[in-house]
Amino acid sequence: MRDVLLAAIVLGALPYVLRYTWAGVMLWTWISIMNPHRLTYGFAFDFPWAQLVAAATLLSLLWNQERLTFPWTASVKVLMLFLVWVCITTVFAVHLEPSIDQLIKVLKIQLFTLIALAAIQERRHIELFLWVNVLSIGYFGVKGGVFVIRSGGGERVWGPAGSYIEGNNELGLAIVLIIPLMYYLWAVSKQRWVRWAMLFAMLACATAAIGTYSRGAFLAIAAMVVVLWWRARSKILSGLLIGLSAALLLSFMPSVWEERMGTITNYAEDASAQGRLNAWTMAFNLANHRLTGAGFETSTMDLFERYAPIAYPRAAHSIYFQILGEHGWLGLILFLSIGAGAFALANRVRRLSKTVPDGEWLYVLAGMIQVSMVGYAVGGAFLSLAYFDLPYNILVILVACNRWIDEKGWETERGGAFGAGTPTLAMAPGTIR
């Protein structure tokens, strides 16, 4: 039944995809991030749905019904430079063949990032894209949250097999990143049932993120909570609410979870943490020796024997040391510049939103994107998720908001998707600065 339903959805949407490129972006994002075919049991499980949707989307570029323009913001330009640089580093990779295989995967993801940047222009596009990302990850967050409560937190939450977020650590961070976006959808929705659903989803996702036993996800949540508290107008009230919510949430978790989180401070006694430090030292030494890094394949015995204190190959488990080892110092500088440029762009959107008619939705969305970025910056320090789609999709949303302001989208559009409106004063700028 699931196989037939998935086939009906994808095949039924293809005519619309061929006509509108933005529709292809939505469908690709759903297939790419959620991996719904991995939830089936028959013919759909191994069918190349992503390739089918990609082909239809690329064909749509030939006769798209809407004018496509590319937004050349600073962060987008740096992203383009970064992609050029990773192609160069692959040419000089230590292990060429596996590096080329990984480069192809990365470029496929980034190709649709670039298509999305050109196709998503209107507010309805922005919010539909936001919904697709939130629901794709939120499904696992809500499901995982219910699982944690039912099991008393005794078992870890895992992601869909064969995806970027299959591991508990990766899924934990992905769930954390969408919680601020859920807050935005709660704030702008006019339907009471949607607001209640988003409130439940936020609580369930927070529970699921804790239930992944991911220390990186836990630190990401802590960092985002600090940002939200700092921006709150009433710090005493918000502090009490945050403290109460944290106490209730953590009360579900068993002692084994507390012991694992305790290794954050006692990292010298934790074998996993020591392995990461060894891999980080290897990446640092490698980047100092090779301008272009080693390419996409760094977890090999020969590289660890040469550059690591201990010849024990393992992944970097850090977006920063992952990029450093694979693409050198210049690659890391470009990667960090993408994030810094995006954060600055969010500040611009928040500032200009005050001059836009009914611009509160932009103010809240850009602010929540910044909260997600803080979560990614902190949680990503302990996870190898430098090429995962979701952070780049968040960048697309931000760039689209900036373009909507520059092109005065409010003059031709009314409202948003799924009954979205303007946040009330009590929800948005009144509570979050």
Protein backbone atom coordinates (compact mmCIF):
# COMPACT_ATOMS: atom_id res chain seq x y z
CA MET A 1 0.00 0.00 0.00
CA ARG A 2 2.82 2.40 0.88
CA ASP A 3 4.55 1.65 -2.42
CA VAL A 4 1.42 2.42 -4.43
CA LEU A 5 0.77 5.61 -2.45
CA LEU A 6 4.33 6.88 -3.00
CA ALA A 7 4.17 6.08 -6.72
CA ALA A 8 0.82 7.84 -7.03
CA ILE A 9 2.14 10.98 -5.32
CA VAL A 10 5.34 11.23 -7.35
CA LEU A 11 3.88 10.28 -10.74
CA GLY A 12 0.82 12.45 -10.15
CA ALA A 13 3.03 15.46 -9.38
CA LEU A 14 5.35 15.06 -12.37
CA PRO A 15 3.16 16.99 -14.87
CA TYR A 16 3.12 19.92 -12.45
CA VAL A 17 6.88 19.61 -11.99
CA LEU A 18 7.44 19.80 -15.74
CA ARG A 19 5.47 23.04 -15.81
CA TYR A 20 6.81 24.74 -12.67
CA THR A 21 10.42 24.36 -11.57
CA TRP A 22 9.62 25.35 -7.99
CA ALA A 23 7.28 22.35 -7.74
CA GLY A 24 10.18 20.11 -8.75
CA VAL A 25 12.28 21.66 -6.00
CA MET A 26 9.57 20.81 -3.44
CA LEU A 27 9.26 17.21 -4.60
CA TRP A 28 13.03 16.69 -4.79
CA THR A 29 13.48 18.10 -1.29
CA TRP A 30 10.88 15.72 0.11
CA ILE A 31 12.48 12.69 -1.57
CA SER A 32 16.01 13.79 -0.67
CA ILE A 33 15.51 14.68 2.99
CA MET A 34 12.74 12.38 4.17
CA ASN A 35 13.61 9.37 1.96
CA PRO A 36 9.96 8.21 1.95
CA HIS A 37 10.85 5.25 -0.27
CA ARG A 38 12.84 3.82 2.66
CA LEU A 39 9.55 3.54 4.55
CA THR A 40 8.11 1.13 1.96
CA TYR A 41 8.54 -2.63 1.66
CA GLY A 42 8.09 -3.43 -2.01
CA PHE A 43 9.09 -2.15 -5.44
CA ALA A 44 9.31 1.48 -4.29
CA PHE A 45 12.12 0.80 -1.81
CA ASP A 46 14.92 0.71 -4.41
CA PHE A 47 13.24 2.61 -7.24
CA PRO A 48 15.29 5.69 -8.34
CA TRP A 49 12.67 8.27 -7.37
CA ALA A 50 15.23 11.03 -6.86
CA GLN A 51 16.65 10.57 -10.36
CA LEU A 52 13.15 10.62 -11.86
CA VAL A 53 12.22 13.83 -10.09
CA ALA A 54 15.60 15.39 -10.90
CA ALA A 55 15.19 14.65 -14.60
CA ALA A 56 11.69 16.18 -14.64
CA THR A 57 12.89 19.27 -12.77
CA LEU A 58 15.81 19.80 -15.14
CA LEU A 59 13.45 19.46 -18.11
CA SER A 60 11.16 22.06 -16.54
CA LEU A 61 13.96 24.62 -16.89
CA LEU A 62 13.31 24.53 -20.65
CA TRP A 63 9.66 25.61 -20.47
CA ASN A 64 9.11 26.87 -16.94
CA GLN A 65 5.97 29.05 -16.75
CA GLU A 66 7.63 31.59 -14.44
CA ARG A 67 10.70 33.76 -14.95
CA LEU A 68 13.76 32.39 -13.15
CA THR A 69 16.38 34.76 -11.81
CA PHE A 70 19.44 33.99 -9.73
CA PRO A 71 20.07 35.96 -6.51
CA TRP A 72 23.75 36.89 -6.32
CA THR A 73 24.01 37.62 -2.61
CA ALA A 74 27.39 37.48 -0.89
CA SER A 75 26.73 34.11 0.75
CA VAL A 76 25.61 32.62 -2.59
CA LYS A 77 28.77 33.87 -4.29
CA VAL A 78 30.90 32.31 -1.58
CA LEU A 79 28.95 29.07 -1.94
CA MET A 80 29.80 29.05 -5.65
CA LEU A 81 33.48 29.64 -4.84
CA PHE A 82 33.37 26.82 -2.32
CA LEU A 83 31.95 24.42 -4.93
CA VAL A 84 34.68 25.39 -7.37
CA TRP A 85 37.30 24.83 -4.68
CA VAL A 86 36.03 21.34 -3.74
CA CYS A 87 36.24 20.40 -7.41
CA ILE A 88 39.88 21.55 -7.41
CA THR A 89 40.69 19.67 -4.21
CA THR A 90 39.16 16.53 -5.70
CA VAL A 91 41.55 16.74 -8.66
CA PHE A 92 44.46 16.69 -6.20
CA ALA A 93 42.87 14.15 -3.82
CA VAL A 94 45.06 11.52 -2.19
CA HIS A 95 42.47 8.84 -2.96
CA LEU A 96 40.98 9.99 -6.25
CA GLU A 97 38.29 7.42 -7.05
CA PRO A 98 36.30 7.55 -3.76
CA SER A 99 36.72 11.33 -3.71
CA ILE A 100 35.17 11.62 -7.17
CA ASP A 101 32.24 9.44 -6.06
CA GLN A 102 31.59 11.70 -3.08
CA LEU A 103 32.04 14.85 -5.19
CA ILE A 104 29.28 13.66 -7.51
CA LYS A 105 26.92 13.20 -4.54
CA VAL A 106 27.75 16.65 -3.18
CA LEU A 107 27.31 18.35 -6.55
CA LYS A 108 23.90 16.69 -7.01
CA ILE A 109 22.74 18.21 -3.74
CA GLN A 110 24.23 21.60 -4.55
CA LEU A 111 22.77 21.60 -8.06
CA PHE A 112 19.31 21.58 -6.53
CA THR A 113 20.37 24.20 -4.00
CA LEU A 114 21.20 26.46 -6.95
CA ILE A 115 17.96 25.58 -8.76
CA ALA A 116 16.00 26.33 -5.58
CA LEU A 117 17.74 29.71 -5.25
CA ALA A 118 16.49 30.62 -8.73
CA ALA A 119 13.00 29.09 -8.51
CA ILE A 120 11.79 30.09 -5.03
CA GLN A 121 10.73 33.71 -5.32
CA GLU A 122 7.27 34.29 -3.84
CA ARG A 123 6.13 34.12 -0.24
CA ARG A 124 4.02 31.05 -0.99
CA HIS A 125 7.12 29.37 -2.43
CA ILE A 126 9.09 30.25 0.70
CA GLU A 127 6.50 28.88 3.08
CA LEU A 128 5.74 25.77 1.02
CA PHE A 129 9.47 25.02 0.94
CA LEU A 130 9.59 25.61 4.68
CA TRP A 131 6.69 23.22 5.23
CA VAL A 132 8.33 20.52 3.10
CA ASN A 133 11.55 20.68 5.11
CA VAL A 134 9.76 20.81 8.46
CA LEU A 135 7.40 17.94 7.72
CA SER A 136 10.13 15.77 6.17
CA ILE A 137 12.26 15.87 9.32
CA GLY A 138 9.36 16.49 11.69
CA TYR A 139 7.88 13.10 10.82
CA PHE A 140 10.86 11.38 12.42
CA GLY A 141 10.91 13.88 15.26
CA VAL A 142 7.28 13.34 16.25
CA LYS A 143 7.55 9.59 15.77
CA GLY A 144 10.77 9.54 17.78
CA GLY A 145 9.31 11.69 20.55
CA VAL A 146 6.38 9.31 21.01
CA PHE A 147 8.83 6.39 20.99
CA VAL A 148 10.98 7.98 23.71
CA ILE A 149 8.01 8.57 26.00
CA ARG A 150 6.62 5.08 25.38
CA SER A 151 9.98 3.40 26.06
CA GLY A 152 10.91 5.67 28.95
CA GLY A 153 13.99 6.85 27.07
CA GLY A 154 15.62 3.45 27.34
CA GLU A 155 16.30 3.08 23.59
CA ARG A 156 17.85 5.49 21.08
CA VAL A 157 16.02 7.13 18.21
CA TRP A 158 17.44 6.44 14.73
CA GLY A 159 16.88 7.95 11.29
CA PRO A 160 15.87 6.44 7.92
CA ALA A 161 18.25 3.81 6.57
CA GLY A 162 20.57 4.81 3.75
CA SER A 163 20.25 8.57 4.33
CA TYR A 164 22.45 11.36 5.68
CA ILE A 165 20.51 11.20 8.94
CA GLU A 166 20.47 7.44 9.45
CA GLY A 167 22.66 7.69 12.56
CA ASN A 168 21.26 8.80 15.89
CA ASN A 169 23.66 11.75 16.10
CA GLU A 170 22.82 13.02 12.63
CA LEU A 171 19.08 12.66 13.13
CA GLY A 172 19.34 14.46 16.46
CA LEU A 173 20.92 17.52 14.91
CA ALA A 174 18.48 17.55 11.97
CA ILE A 175 15.54 17.51 14.37
CA VAL A 176 17.06 20.30 16.42
CA LEU A 177 17.43 22.50 13.32
CA ILE A 178 13.73 22.39 12.43
CA ILE A 179 12.35 23.22 15.89
CA PRO A 180 12.84 27.01 15.41
CA LEU A 181 11.20 26.72 11.99
CA MET A 182 8.25 25.01 13.65
CA TYR A 183 8.00 27.96 15.99
CA TYR A 184 7.70 30.27 12.99
CA LEU A 185 4.90 28.15 11.49
CA TRP A 186 3.14 28.19 14.87
CA ALA A 187 3.46 31.98 15.01
CA VAL A 188 2.07 32.73 11.54
CA SER A 189 -0.72 30.16 11.30
CA LYS A 190 -4.29 31.41 11.40
CA GLN A 191 -5.73 27.93 11.98
CA ARG A 192 -5.94 26.92 15.62
CA TRP A 193 -5.43 23.22 14.84
CA VAL A 194 -2.19 23.98 12.99
CA ARG A 195 -0.88 25.97 15.95
CA TRP A 196 -1.72 23.13 18.35
CA ALA A 197 -0.11 20.63 15.97
CA MET A 198 3.07 22.70 15.77
CA LEU A 199 3.19 23.07 19.55
CA PHE A 200 2.90 19.30 19.96
CA ALA A 201 5.47 18.75 17.22
CA MET A 202 7.98 21.07 18.89
CA LEU A 203 7.68 19.24 22.20
CA ALA A 204 7.86 15.83 20.52
CA CYS A 205 10.90 16.84 18.45
CA ALA A 206 12.72 18.16 21.51
CA THR A 207 12.00 14.86 23.25
CA ALA A 208 13.21 12.89 20.21
CA ALA A 209 16.41 14.92 19.95
CA ILE A 210 17.17 14.15 23.59
CA GLY A 211 16.22 10.52 22.95
CA THR A 212 18.85 10.13 20.23
CA TYR A 213 21.47 10.21 23.02
CA SER A 214 23.43 12.62 20.82
CA ARG A 215 25.70 14.87 22.82
CA GLY A 216 26.04 17.18 19.82
CA ALA A 217 22.27 17.55 19.57
CA PHE A 218 22.05 18.21 23.30
CA LEU A 219 24.64 20.99 23.07
CA ALA A 220 22.87 22.42 20.01
CA ILE A 221 19.58 22.59 21.93
CA ALA A 222 21.33 24.25 24.85
CA ALA A 223 22.90 26.86 22.55
CA MET A 224 19.57 27.63 20.86
CA VAL A 225 17.83 27.97 24.22
CA VAL A 226 20.45 30.50 25.31
CA VAL A 227 19.86 32.54 22.14
CA LEU A 228 16.08 32.45 22.61
CA TRP A 229 16.42 33.47 26.26
CA TRP A 230 18.80 36.30 25.36
CA ARG A 231 16.34 37.67 22.79
CA ALA A 232 13.31 37.35 25.04
CA ARG A 233 11.92 40.63 26.40
CA SER A 234 11.01 39.10 29.76
CA LYS A 235 14.13 37.15 30.70
CA ILE A 236 12.85 36.12 34.14
CA LEU A 237 9.58 34.68 32.82
CA SER A 238 11.23 33.03 29.82
CA GLY A 239 13.95 31.62 32.08
CA LEU A 240 11.34 30.06 34.37
CA LEU A 241 9.44 28.56 31.43
CA ILE A 242 12.63 27.18 29.89
CA GLY A 243 13.77 25.72 33.19
CA LEU A 244 10.40 24.08 33.86
CA SER A 245 10.23 22.63 30.33
CA ALA A 246 13.77 21.27 30.59
CA ALA A 247 13.05 19.68 33.97
CA LEU A 248 9.92 17.96 32.66
CA LEU A 249 11.67 16.79 29.50
CA LEU A 250 14.75 15.40 31.20
CA SER A 251 12.69 13.67 33.86
CA PHE A 252 11.75 11.02 31.26
CA MET A 253 15.37 10.04 30.62
CA PRO A 254 17.01 7.16 32.49
CA SER A 255 20.35 7.25 34.33
CA VAL A 256 22.21 5.81 31.34
CA TRP A 257 21.32 8.96 29.38
CA GLU A 258 22.65 11.15 32.17
CA GLU A 259 25.87 9.13 32.22
CA ARG A 260 26.34 9.64 28.48
CA MET A 261 25.73 13.38 28.69
CA GLY A 262 28.17 13.50 31.59
CA THR A 263 30.98 12.50 29.23
CA ILE A 264 30.72 15.98 27.69
CA THR A 265 32.70 17.33 30.64
CA ASN A 266 34.65 14.12 31.33
CA TYR A 267 35.84 13.76 27.74
CA ALA A 268 39.30 12.58 28.82
CA GLU A 269 37.71 9.35 30.08
CA ASP A 270 35.52 8.79 27.01
CA ALA A 271 36.96 6.66 24.19
CA SER A 272 34.67 8.20 21.58
CA ALA A 273 35.73 11.74 22.49
CA GLN A 274 39.40 10.75 22.43
CA GLY A 275 38.92 9.23 18.99
CA ARG A 276 37.46 12.51 17.76
CA LEU A 277 40.36 14.51 19.15
CA ASN A 278 42.73 12.14 17.38
CA ALA A 279 40.84 12.63 14.08
CA TRP A 280 40.79 16.42 14.58
CA THR A 281 44.55 16.46 15.14
CA MET A 282 44.99 14.44 11.95
CA ALA A 283 42.89 16.93 9.97
CA PHE A 284 44.84 19.86 11.41
CA ASN A 285 48.22 18.34 10.55
CA LEU A 286 47.01 17.29 7.12
CA ALA A 287 45.75 20.79 6.26
CA ASN A 288 49.07 22.29 7.37
CA HIS A 289 50.91 19.95 5.01
CA ARG A 290 48.58 19.97 1.98
CA LEU A 291 47.03 23.19 0.66
CA THR A 292 44.15 21.31 -0.93
CA GLY A 293 43.61 18.83 1.91
CA ALA A 294 43.22 15.15 1.08
CA GLY A 295 39.98 15.28 -0.87
CA PHE A 296 36.71 13.70 0.25
CA GLU A 297 38.30 10.48 1.55
CA THR A 298 40.30 11.05 4.75
CA SER A 299 39.39 8.11 7.02
CA THR A 300 42.18 5.88 5.75
CA MET A 301 45.03 4.12 7.52
CA ASP A 302 47.79 5.72 5.40
CA LEU A 303 46.64 9.26 6.26
CA PHE A 304 46.25 8.50 9.96
CA GLU A 305 49.66 6.81 10.08
CA ARG A 306 51.20 9.93 8.62
CA TYR A 307 49.30 12.76 10.32
CA ALA A 308 47.53 11.45 13.46
CA PRO A 309 49.00 10.83 16.93
CA ILE A 310 47.39 7.38 16.87
CA ALA A 311 46.93 5.35 13.66
CA TYR A 312 43.24 4.71 14.24
CA PRO A 313 41.13 5.81 11.23
CA ARG A 314 37.70 7.28 11.88
CA ALA A 315 35.50 10.08 10.59
CA ALA A 316 36.14 13.61 11.85
CA HIS A 317 32.69 13.90 13.47
CA SER A 318 32.88 17.69 13.05
CA ILE A 319 31.79 19.82 10.12
CA TYR A 320 34.80 22.07 10.72
CA PHE A 321 37.51 19.41 10.86
CA GLN A 322 35.72 17.46 8.13
CA ILE A 323 36.10 20.42 5.77
CA LEU A 324 39.61 21.20 7.03
CA GLY A 325 40.91 17.71 6.37
CA GLU A 326 39.15 17.31 3.04
CA HIS A 327 39.67 20.78 1.52
CA GLY A 328 42.37 22.52 3.54
CA TRP A 329 42.38 25.91 5.23
CA LEU A 330 40.98 27.73 2.22
CA GLY A 331 38.05 25.32 2.09
CA LEU A 332 37.34 25.91 5.77
CA ILE A 333 37.52 29.69 5.35
CA LEU A 334 35.02 29.54 2.47
CA PHE A 335 32.74 27.20 4.42
CA LEU A 336 32.73 29.49 7.46
CA SER A 337 32.18 32.51 5.22
CA ILE A 338 28.98 30.98 3.87
CA GLY A 339 27.60 30.77 7.39
CA ALA A 340 28.83 34.22 8.40
CA GLY A 341 27.35 35.76 5.26
CA ALA A 342 24.03 34.03 5.88
CA PHE A 343 23.88 35.27 9.48
CA ALA A 344 24.59 38.82 8.29
CA LEU A 345 21.90 38.46 5.63
CA ALA A 346 19.42 37.40 8.31
CA ASN A 347 20.25 40.57 10.23
CA ARG A 348 19.55 42.57 7.10
CA VAL A 349 16.19 40.87 6.59
CA ARG A 350 15.22 41.51 10.23
CA ARG A 351 16.22 45.17 9.92
CA LEU A 352 14.43 45.78 6.61
CA SER A 353 11.33 43.85 7.70
CA LYS A 354 10.47 46.79 9.97
CA THR A 355 10.10 48.99 6.87
CA VAL A 356 7.93 46.48 4.98
CA PRO A 357 4.12 46.49 5.23
CA ASP A 358 3.11 43.56 7.48
CA GLY A 359 6.75 42.49 7.60
CA GLU A 360 6.61 40.82 11.01
CA TRP A 361 6.63 37.37 9.39
CA LEU A 362 10.03 38.16 7.87
CA TYR A 363 11.31 39.37 11.22
CA VAL A 364 10.28 36.17 12.98
CA LEU A 365 11.42 33.82 10.19
CA ALA A 366 14.87 35.40 9.85
CA GLY A 367 15.27 35.33 13.62
CA MET A 368 14.34 31.65 13.83
CA ILE A 369 16.73 30.88 10.97
CA GLN A 370 19.50 32.48 13.02
CA VAL A 371 18.56 30.24 15.95
CA SER A 372 18.78 27.20 13.65
CA MET A 373 22.16 28.40 12.40
CA VAL A 374 23.46 28.64 15.97
CA GLY A 375 22.27 25.08 16.55
CA TYR A 376 24.05 23.88 13.42
CA ALA A 377 27.23 25.76 14.31
CA VAL A 378 27.36 24.21 17.80
CA GLY A 379 25.97 20.74 17.10
CA GLY A 380 27.90 20.47 13.85
CA ALA A 381 31.15 20.79 15.79
CA PHE A 382 30.61 17.16 16.79
CA LEU A 383 29.05 15.70 13.63
CA SER A 384 30.16 15.13 10.02
CA LEU A 385 27.18 16.82 8.34
CA ALA A 386 28.92 19.46 6.23
CA TYR A 387 27.08 18.48 3.03
CA PHE A 388 23.62 17.64 4.40
CA ASP A 389 20.78 19.27 2.43
CA LEU A 390 18.91 20.89 5.31
CA PRO A 391 21.36 23.72 6.25
CA TYR A 392 21.61 24.71 2.59
CA ASN A 393 17.81 24.64 2.27
CA ILE A 394 17.63 27.02 5.22
CA LEU A 395 20.06 29.29 3.35
CA VAL A 396 17.74 29.14 0.32
CA ILE A 397 14.81 30.28 2.48
CA LEU A 398 16.81 33.18 3.84
CA VAL A 399 18.02 34.33 0.43
CA ALA A 400 14.46 34.10 -0.91
CA CYS A 401 13.23 36.31 1.96
CA ASN A 402 15.89 38.88 1.13
CA ARG A 403 14.90 38.85 -2.53
CA TRP A 404 11.22 39.16 -1.62
CA ILE A 405 12.08 42.40 0.18
CA ASP A 406 14.28 43.75 -2.62
CA GLU A 407 11.64 42.99 -5.26
CA LYS A 408 8.79 44.40 -3.09
CA GLY A 409 6.85 41.18 -3.10
CA TRP A 410 4.16 42.65 -0.86
CA GLU A 411 2.93 44.76 -3.76
CA THR A 412 1.78 41.71 -5.74
CA GLU A 413 1.15 39.07 -3.04
CA ARG A 414 -1.30 38.63 -0.20
CA GLY A 415 -0.65 36.27 2.71
CA GLY A 416 1.29 33.03 2.65
CA ALA A 417 0.79 29.32 2.23
CA PHE A 418 -1.69 27.15 4.17
CA GLY A 419 -3.43 30.14 5.71
CA ALA A 420 -0.26 31.75 7.01
CA GLY A 421 -0.60 35.34 8.02
CA THR A 422 1.15 37.94 10.13
CA PRO A 423 2.34 37.00 13.62
CA THR A 424 0.43 38.74 16.37
CA LEU A 425 2.29 41.18 18.56
CA ALA A 426 2.11 38.73 21.46
CA MET A 427 3.74 35.96 19.43
CA ALA A 428 6.54 37.45 17.48
CA PRO A 429 8.47 40.68 18.00
CA GLY A 430 6.70 41.12 21.32
CA THR A 431 8.26 38.00 22.80
CA ILE A 432 11.39 37.51 20.68
CA ARG A 433 13.53 40.50 19.82
